[in-house]
Amino acid sequence: MTHPGRKVKDHYFYQAKREGFPARSVYKLKEIDQRHRLFKPGDAVLDLGASPGSWLLFASQAVGPRGKVTGVDLKPLSGPVPANARFILADIFTLGLEDLGPPTGGFDIVLSDMAPQTTGIKITDATRSYELAHTALMVALKHLKEGGHFVAKIFQGPDFPNFLAEVKKAYRTVKAFKPDSTRRESKEVFVVALDKKRLSE
């Protein structure tokens, strides 16, 4: 059994170290981007659950120098913040949404790799994961521009179908995706929601 917080030292772990990323989770986002073409040069990205910084670093590279990435987490990043990014050390549950400083018109992409402190009790962990994913969805509904994209990690459990249904109300294309780099025993799945609808739809 993999204990919470233990680093999995597989080939993705070592590849991340070689390529200068803080964690193996970067390859999950990379697969999602390859499959769904999330990022464009110049995009404004909000990264929730940004620590230790792999997604923030990948997103900052993907959007280029004209892009902007804002990361939020309770824990600090393990490396420097890229020139086209900023990091807010805060709890998203208590952070005023205005503190995120969304660009005029909103963000182009909202990412959430947030995960609860796991207890080993599947139903409890799944419920806590749903609460985090739902919070990310609320942030995206408020601050994501029309046509923008949303990606959120969630543990599969009783609330998963409800979350998927909620997301489908707001986005034209919604997929549940489990990247190859996800550990086989993991219950996590990524909901990839593309092309946010106009609020009146």
C-alpha atoms as a PDB file:
ATOM      1  CA  MET A   1       0.000   0.000   0.000  1.00  0.00           C
ATOM      2  CA  THR A   2       1.263   3.482  -0.851  1.00  0.00           C
ATOM      3  CA  HIS A   3       1.251   5.738   2.201  1.00  0.00           C
ATOM      4  CA  PRO A   4      -0.020   9.310   1.899  1.00  0.00           C
ATOM      5  CA  GLY A   5       2.775  11.693   1.017  1.00  0.00           C
ATOM      6  CA  ARG A   6       5.240   8.991  -0.036  1.00  0.00           C
ATOM      7  CA  LYS A   7       6.932   9.698  -3.347  1.00  0.00           C
ATOM      8  CA  VAL A   8       6.556   6.961  -5.914  1.00  0.00           C
ATOM      9  CA  LYS A   9      10.013   6.462  -7.383  1.00  0.00           C
ATOM     10  CA  ASP A  10       9.102   5.009 -10.754  1.00  0.00           C
ATOM     11  CA  HIS A  11      10.411   6.090 -14.148  1.00  0.00           C
ATOM     12  CA  TYR A  12       8.066   9.115 -14.148  1.00  0.00           C
ATOM     13  CA  PHE A  13       9.614  10.242 -10.850  1.00  0.00           C
ATOM     14  CA  TYR A  14      13.149  10.077 -12.237  1.00  0.00           C
ATOM     15  CA  GLN A  15      12.126  11.594 -15.567  1.00  0.00           C
ATOM     16  CA  ALA A  16      10.613  14.583 -13.724  1.00  0.00           C
ATOM     17  CA  LYS A  17      13.878  15.094 -11.837  1.00  0.00           C
ATOM     18  CA  ARG A  18      15.883  14.941 -15.068  1.00  0.00           C
ATOM     19  CA  GLU A  19      13.613  17.452 -16.772  1.00  0.00           C
ATOM     20  CA  GLY A  20      13.579  19.867 -13.847  1.00  0.00           C
ATOM     21  CA  PHE A  21      10.020  19.347 -12.589  1.00  0.00           C
ATOM     22  CA  PRO A  22       9.302  19.025  -8.849  1.00  0.00           C
ATOM     23  CA  ALA A  23       6.974  16.010  -9.169  1.00  0.00           C
ATOM     24  CA  ARG A  24       5.823  13.243 -11.501  1.00  0.00           C
ATOM     25  CA  SER A  25       2.343  14.800 -11.656  1.00  0.00           C
ATOM     26  CA  VAL A  26       3.571  16.977 -14.537  1.00  0.00           C
ATOM     27  CA  TYR A  27       3.115  14.046 -16.922  1.00  0.00           C
ATOM     28  CA  LYS A  28      -0.582  13.819 -16.095  1.00  0.00           C
ATOM     29  CA  LEU A  29      -1.084  17.418 -17.213  1.00  0.00           C
ATOM     30  CA  LYS A  30       1.171  16.842 -20.210  1.00  0.00           C
ATOM     31  CA  GLU A  31      -0.982  13.888 -21.322  1.00  0.00           C
ATOM     32  CA  ILE A  32      -4.164  15.900 -20.824  1.00  0.00           C
ATOM     33  CA  ASP A  33      -2.719  18.725 -22.915  1.00  0.00           C
ATOM     34  CA  GLN A  34      -1.568  16.354 -25.663  1.00  0.00           C
ATOM     35  CA  ARG A  35      -5.009  14.752 -25.814  1.00  0.00           C
ATOM     36  CA  HIS A  36      -7.145  17.884 -25.533  1.00  0.00           C
ATOM     37  CA  ARG A  37      -4.847  20.777 -26.573  1.00  0.00           C
ATOM     38  CA  LEU A  38      -5.584  22.922 -23.539  1.00  0.00           C
ATOM     39  CA  PHE A  39      -2.926  25.598 -23.781  1.00  0.00           C
ATOM     40  CA  LYS A  40      -2.302  28.354 -26.297  1.00  0.00           C
ATOM     41  CA  PRO A  41       0.446  30.985 -26.243  1.00  0.00           C
ATOM     42  CA  GLY A  42      -0.720  34.006 -24.284  1.00  0.00           C
ATOM     43  CA  ASP A  43      -3.323  32.168 -22.175  1.00  0.00           C
ATOM     44  CA  ALA A  44      -4.086  33.234 -18.600  1.00  0.00           C
ATOM     45  CA  VAL A  45      -4.141  30.187 -16.315  1.00  0.00           C
ATOM     46  CA  LEU A  46      -5.293  29.660 -12.718  1.00  0.00           C
ATOM     47  CA  ASP A  47      -3.657  26.653 -11.026  1.00  0.00           C
ATOM     48  CA  LEU A  48      -5.375  25.510  -7.801  1.00  0.00           C
ATOM     49  CA  GLY A  49      -3.379  23.162  -5.602  1.00  0.00           C
ATOM     50  CA  ALA A  50      -0.186  24.330  -7.283  1.00  0.00           C
ATOM     51  CA  SER A  51       2.384  22.925  -4.821  1.00  0.00           C
ATOM     52  CA  PRO A  52       5.011  21.598  -5.323  1.00  0.00           C
ATOM     53  CA  GLY A  53       4.907  23.428  -8.660  1.00  0.00           C
ATOM     54  CA  SER A  54       5.034  20.960 -11.556  1.00  0.00           C
ATOM     55  CA  TRP A  55       1.737  22.027 -13.109  1.00  0.00           C
ATOM     56  CA  LEU A  56       2.543  25.708 -12.644  1.00  0.00           C
ATOM     57  CA  LEU A  57       5.927  25.245 -14.317  1.00  0.00           C
ATOM     58  CA  PHE A  58       4.509  23.232 -17.230  1.00  0.00           C
ATOM     59  CA  ALA A  59       1.653  25.705 -17.736  1.00  0.00           C
ATOM     60  CA  SER A  60       4.055  28.668 -17.659  1.00  0.00           C
ATOM     61  CA  GLN A  61       6.125  27.034 -20.397  1.00  0.00           C
ATOM     62  CA  ALA A  62       3.032  26.130 -22.432  1.00  0.00           C
ATOM     63  CA  VAL A  63       1.565  29.661 -22.462  1.00  0.00           C
ATOM     64  CA  GLY A  64       4.909  31.327 -23.166  1.00  0.00           C
ATOM     65  CA  PRO A  65       6.188  34.745 -22.120  1.00  0.00           C
ATOM     66  CA  ARG A  66       2.981  36.522 -23.153  1.00  0.00           C
ATOM     67  CA  GLY A  67       0.930  34.180 -20.956  1.00  0.00           C
ATOM     68  CA  LYS A  68       0.281  34.429 -17.232  1.00  0.00           C
ATOM     69  CA  VAL A  69      -0.114  31.689 -14.614  1.00  0.00           C
ATOM     70  CA  THR A  70      -1.465  32.222 -11.095  1.00  0.00           C
ATOM     71  CA  GLY A  71      -0.915  29.400  -8.605  1.00  0.00           C
ATOM     72  CA  VAL A  72      -2.639  28.917  -5.231  1.00  0.00           C
ATOM     73  CA  ASP A  73      -1.858  26.419  -2.473  1.00  0.00           C
ATOM     74  CA  LEU A  74      -1.623  26.020   1.299  1.00  0.00           C
ATOM     75  CA  LYS A  75       1.908  24.678   0.867  1.00  0.00           C
ATOM     76  CA  PRO A  76       4.812  26.597  -0.688  1.00  0.00           C
ATOM     77  CA  LEU A  77       6.359  25.743  -4.023  1.00  0.00           C
ATOM     78  CA  SER A  78       9.544  23.691  -3.986  1.00  0.00           C
ATOM     79  CA  GLY A  79      11.282  25.872  -6.559  1.00  0.00           C
ATOM     80  CA  PRO A  80      11.352  29.418  -7.934  1.00  0.00           C
ATOM     81  CA  VAL A  81       8.287  31.014  -9.499  1.00  0.00           C
ATOM     82  CA  PRO A  82       8.663  31.439 -13.288  1.00  0.00           C
ATOM     83  CA  ALA A  83       8.859  34.973 -14.652  1.00  0.00           C
ATOM     84  CA  ASN A  84       5.369  34.787 -16.194  1.00  0.00           C
ATOM     85  CA  ALA A  85       3.756  33.371 -13.025  1.00  0.00           C
ATOM     86  CA  ARG A  86       2.822  34.371  -9.502  1.00  0.00           C
ATOM     87  CA  PHE A  87       2.050  32.243  -6.457  1.00  0.00           C
ATOM     88  CA  ILE A  88      -0.421  32.888  -3.620  1.00  0.00           C
ATOM     89  CA  LEU A  89       0.215  30.979  -0.388  1.00  0.00           C
ATOM     90  CA  ALA A  90      -3.359  30.671   0.895  1.00  0.00           C
ATOM     91  CA  ASP A  91      -6.335  28.402   1.491  1.00  0.00           C
ATOM     92  CA  ILE A  92      -8.674  28.584  -1.486  1.00  0.00           C
ATOM     93  CA  PHE A  93     -11.601  28.101   0.905  1.00  0.00           C
ATOM     94  CA  THR A  94     -10.797  31.341   2.751  1.00  0.00           C
ATOM     95  CA  LEU A  95      -9.218  33.319  -0.074  1.00  0.00           C
ATOM     96  CA  GLY A  96     -11.405  36.050  -1.484  1.00  0.00           C
ATOM     97  CA  LEU A  97     -11.945  35.353  -5.150  1.00  0.00           C
ATOM     98  CA  GLU A  98     -11.030  38.940  -5.930  1.00  0.00           C
ATOM     99  CA  ASP A  99      -7.567  38.169  -4.513  1.00  0.00           C
ATOM    100  CA  LEU A 100      -6.938  35.882  -7.474  1.00  0.00           C
ATOM    101  CA  GLY A 101      -6.739  38.948  -9.661  1.00  0.00           C
ATOM    102  CA  PRO A 102      -8.440  37.487 -12.732  1.00  0.00           C
ATOM    103  CA  PRO A 103      -7.486  39.233 -15.967  1.00  0.00           C
ATOM    104  CA  THR A 104     -10.048  41.323 -17.798  1.00  0.00           C
ATOM    105  CA  GLY A 105     -12.603  38.910 -19.214  1.00  0.00           C
ATOM    106  CA  GLY A 106     -11.453  36.073 -16.959  1.00  0.00           C
ATOM    107  CA  PHE A 107      -8.974  33.216 -17.118  1.00  0.00           C
ATOM    108  CA  ASP A 108      -8.615  31.036 -20.214  1.00  0.00           C
ATOM    109  CA  ILE A 109      -7.941  27.875 -18.179  1.00  0.00           C
ATOM    110  CA  VAL A 110      -8.611  26.808 -14.585  1.00  0.00           C
ATOM    111  CA  LEU A 111      -6.678  23.774 -13.334  1.00  0.00           C
ATOM    112  CA  SER A 112      -7.185  21.911 -10.063  1.00  0.00           C
ATOM    113  CA  ASP A 113      -4.826  19.216  -8.864  1.00  0.00           C
ATOM    114  CA  MET A 114      -6.111  19.657  -5.312  1.00  0.00           C
ATOM    115  CA  ALA A 115      -6.295  16.504  -3.200  1.00  0.00           C
ATOM    116  CA  PRO A 116      -7.335  15.932   0.413  1.00  0.00           C
ATOM    117  CA  GLN A 117      -5.132  14.568   3.154  1.00  0.00           C
ATOM    118  CA  THR A 118      -6.070  10.924   2.734  1.00  0.00           C
ATOM    119  CA  THR A 119      -7.313   8.831   5.655  1.00  0.00           C
ATOM    120  CA  GLY A 120      -7.352   5.423   4.009  1.00  0.00           C
ATOM    121  CA  ILE A 121     -11.150   5.363   4.400  1.00  0.00           C
ATOM    122  CA  LYS A 122     -12.301   5.369   0.791  1.00  0.00           C
ATOM    123  CA  ILE A 123     -15.696   7.010   1.287  1.00  0.00           C
ATOM    124  CA  THR A 124     -14.207   9.782   3.451  1.00  0.00           C
ATOM    125  CA  ASP A 125     -11.391  10.461   1.010  1.00  0.00           C
ATOM    126  CA  ALA A 126     -13.795  10.484  -1.959  1.00  0.00           C
ATOM    127  CA  THR A 127     -16.145  12.911  -0.184  1.00  0.00           C
ATOM    128  CA  ARG A 128     -13.318  15.287   0.659  1.00  0.00           C
ATOM    129  CA  SER A 129     -12.027  15.074  -2.890  1.00  0.00           C
ATOM    130  CA  TYR A 130     -15.483  15.954  -4.228  1.00  0.00           C
ATOM    131  CA  GLU A 131     -15.621  19.008  -1.953  1.00  0.00           C
ATOM    132  CA  LEU A 132     -12.306  20.249  -3.351  1.00  0.00           C
ATOM    133  CA  ALA A 133     -13.317  19.560  -6.962  1.00  0.00           C
ATOM    134  CA  HIS A 134     -16.646  21.310  -6.402  1.00  0.00           C
ATOM    135  CA  THR A 135     -14.842  24.333  -4.958  1.00  0.00           C
ATOM    136  CA  ALA A 136     -12.620  24.432  -8.042  1.00  0.00           C
ATOM    137  CA  LEU A 137     -15.706  24.251 -10.256  1.00  0.00           C
ATOM    138  CA  MET A 138     -17.287  27.208  -8.435  1.00  0.00           C
ATOM    139  CA  VAL A 139     -14.088  29.212  -8.949  1.00  0.00           C
ATOM    140  CA  ALA A 140     -14.074  28.283 -12.632  1.00  0.00           C
ATOM    141  CA  LEU A 141     -17.717  29.214 -13.102  1.00  0.00           C
ATOM    142  CA  LYS A 142     -16.977  32.655 -11.662  1.00  0.00           C
ATOM    143  CA  HIS A 143     -13.593  33.421 -13.200  1.00  0.00           C
ATOM    144  CA  LEU A 144     -13.310  31.391 -16.420  1.00  0.00           C
ATOM    145  CA  LYS A 145     -14.153  33.197 -19.617  1.00  0.00           C
ATOM    146  CA  GLU A 146     -16.671  31.875 -22.134  1.00  0.00           C
ATOM    147  CA  GLY A 147     -15.006  29.201 -24.264  1.00  0.00           C
ATOM    148  CA  GLY A 148     -12.409  28.532 -21.559  1.00  0.00           C
ATOM    149  CA  HIS A 149     -11.296  25.139 -20.242  1.00  0.00           C
ATOM    150  CA  PHE A 150     -11.438  23.507 -16.801  1.00  0.00           C
ATOM    151  CA  VAL A 151      -9.531  20.473 -15.496  1.00  0.00           C
ATOM    152  CA  ALA A 152     -10.082  19.004 -12.027  1.00  0.00           C
ATOM    153  CA  LYS A 153      -8.804  15.962 -10.203  1.00  0.00           C
ATOM    154  CA  ILE A 154     -11.369  13.971  -8.244  1.00  0.00           C
ATOM    155  CA  PHE A 155     -11.387  10.586  -6.534  1.00  0.00           C
ATOM    156  CA  GLN A 156     -13.967   8.200  -7.932  1.00  0.00           C
ATOM    157  CA  GLY A 157     -16.752   7.609  -5.415  1.00  0.00           C
ATOM    158  CA  PRO A 158     -20.498   8.093  -4.843  1.00  0.00           C
ATOM    159  CA  ASP A 159     -20.336  11.831  -5.639  1.00  0.00           C
ATOM    160  CA  PHE A 160     -18.459  11.420  -8.922  1.00  0.00           C
ATOM    161  CA  PRO A 161     -21.561  11.090 -11.187  1.00  0.00           C
ATOM    162  CA  ASN A 162     -23.066  14.197  -9.557  1.00  0.00           C
ATOM    163  CA  PHE A 163     -19.889  16.169 -10.145  1.00  0.00           C
ATOM    164  CA  LEU A 164     -19.764  15.072 -13.772  1.00  0.00           C
ATOM    165  CA  ALA A 165     -23.392  16.145 -14.223  1.00  0.00           C
ATOM    166  CA  GLU A 166     -22.667  19.556 -12.673  1.00  0.00           C
ATOM    167  CA  VAL A 167     -19.730  20.127 -14.989  1.00  0.00           C
ATOM    168  CA  LYS A 168     -21.725  19.092 -18.074  1.00  0.00           C
ATOM    169  CA  LYS A 169     -24.239  21.855 -17.383  1.00  0.00           C
ATOM    170  CA  ALA A 170     -21.554  24.493 -17.894  1.00  0.00           C
ATOM    171  CA  TYR A 171     -19.265  23.056 -20.616  1.00  0.00           C
ATOM    172  CA  ARG A 172     -19.900  21.854 -24.144  1.00  0.00           C
ATOM    173  CA  THR A 173     -17.428  18.934 -24.026  1.00  0.00           C
ATOM    174  CA  VAL A 174     -16.727  16.955 -20.833  1.00  0.00           C
ATOM    175  CA  LYS A 175     -14.499  13.873 -20.553  1.00  0.00           C
ATOM    176  CA  ALA A 176     -13.304  11.740 -17.648  1.00  0.00           C
ATOM    177  CA  PHE A 177      -9.664  10.910 -18.288  1.00  0.00           C
ATOM    178  CA  LYS A 178      -7.148   8.758 -16.425  1.00  0.00           C
ATOM    179  CA  PRO A 179      -3.634   9.490 -17.704  1.00  0.00           C
ATOM    180  CA  ASP A 180      -1.204   6.615 -18.260  1.00  0.00           C
ATOM    181  CA  SER A 181       1.100   8.188 -15.672  1.00  0.00           C
ATOM    182  CA  THR A 182      -1.535   7.747 -12.943  1.00  0.00           C
ATOM    183  CA  ARG A 183      -0.686   4.900 -10.597  1.00  0.00           C
ATOM    184  CA  ARG A 184      -2.716   1.795 -11.382  1.00  0.00           C
ATOM    185  CA  GLU A 185      -4.133   1.533  -7.856  1.00  0.00           C
ATOM    186  CA  SER A 186      -5.129   5.203  -7.702  1.00  0.00           C
ATOM    187  CA  LYS A 187      -8.812   6.155  -7.612  1.00  0.00           C
ATOM    188  CA  GLU A 188      -8.123   9.590  -9.057  1.00  0.00           C
ATOM    189  CA  VAL A 189      -9.528  10.664 -12.374  1.00  0.00           C
ATOM    190  CA  PHE A 190      -9.365  13.994 -14.174  1.00  0.00           C
ATOM    191  CA  VAL A 191     -12.500  15.688 -15.439  1.00  0.00           C
ATOM    192  CA  VAL A 192     -11.579  17.646 -18.548  1.00  0.00           C
ATOM    193  CA  ALA A 193     -14.197  20.258 -19.450  1.00  0.00           C
ATOM    194  CA  LEU A 194     -13.742  22.204 -22.665  1.00  0.00           C
ATOM    195  CA  ASP A 195     -15.475  25.261 -24.071  1.00  0.00           C
ATOM    196  CA  LYS A 196     -17.378  26.903 -21.228  1.00  0.00           C
ATOM    197  CA  LYS A 197     -20.908  27.822 -22.220  1.00  0.00           C
ATOM    198  CA  ARG A 198     -22.381  31.283 -22.106  1.00  0.00           C
ATOM    199  CA  LEU A 199     -24.197  31.751 -18.801  1.00  0.00           C
ATOM    200  CA  SER A 200     -27.544  32.174 -20.559  1.00  0.00           C
ATOM    201  CA  GLU A 201     -27.297  28.787 -22.329  1.00  0.00           C
END
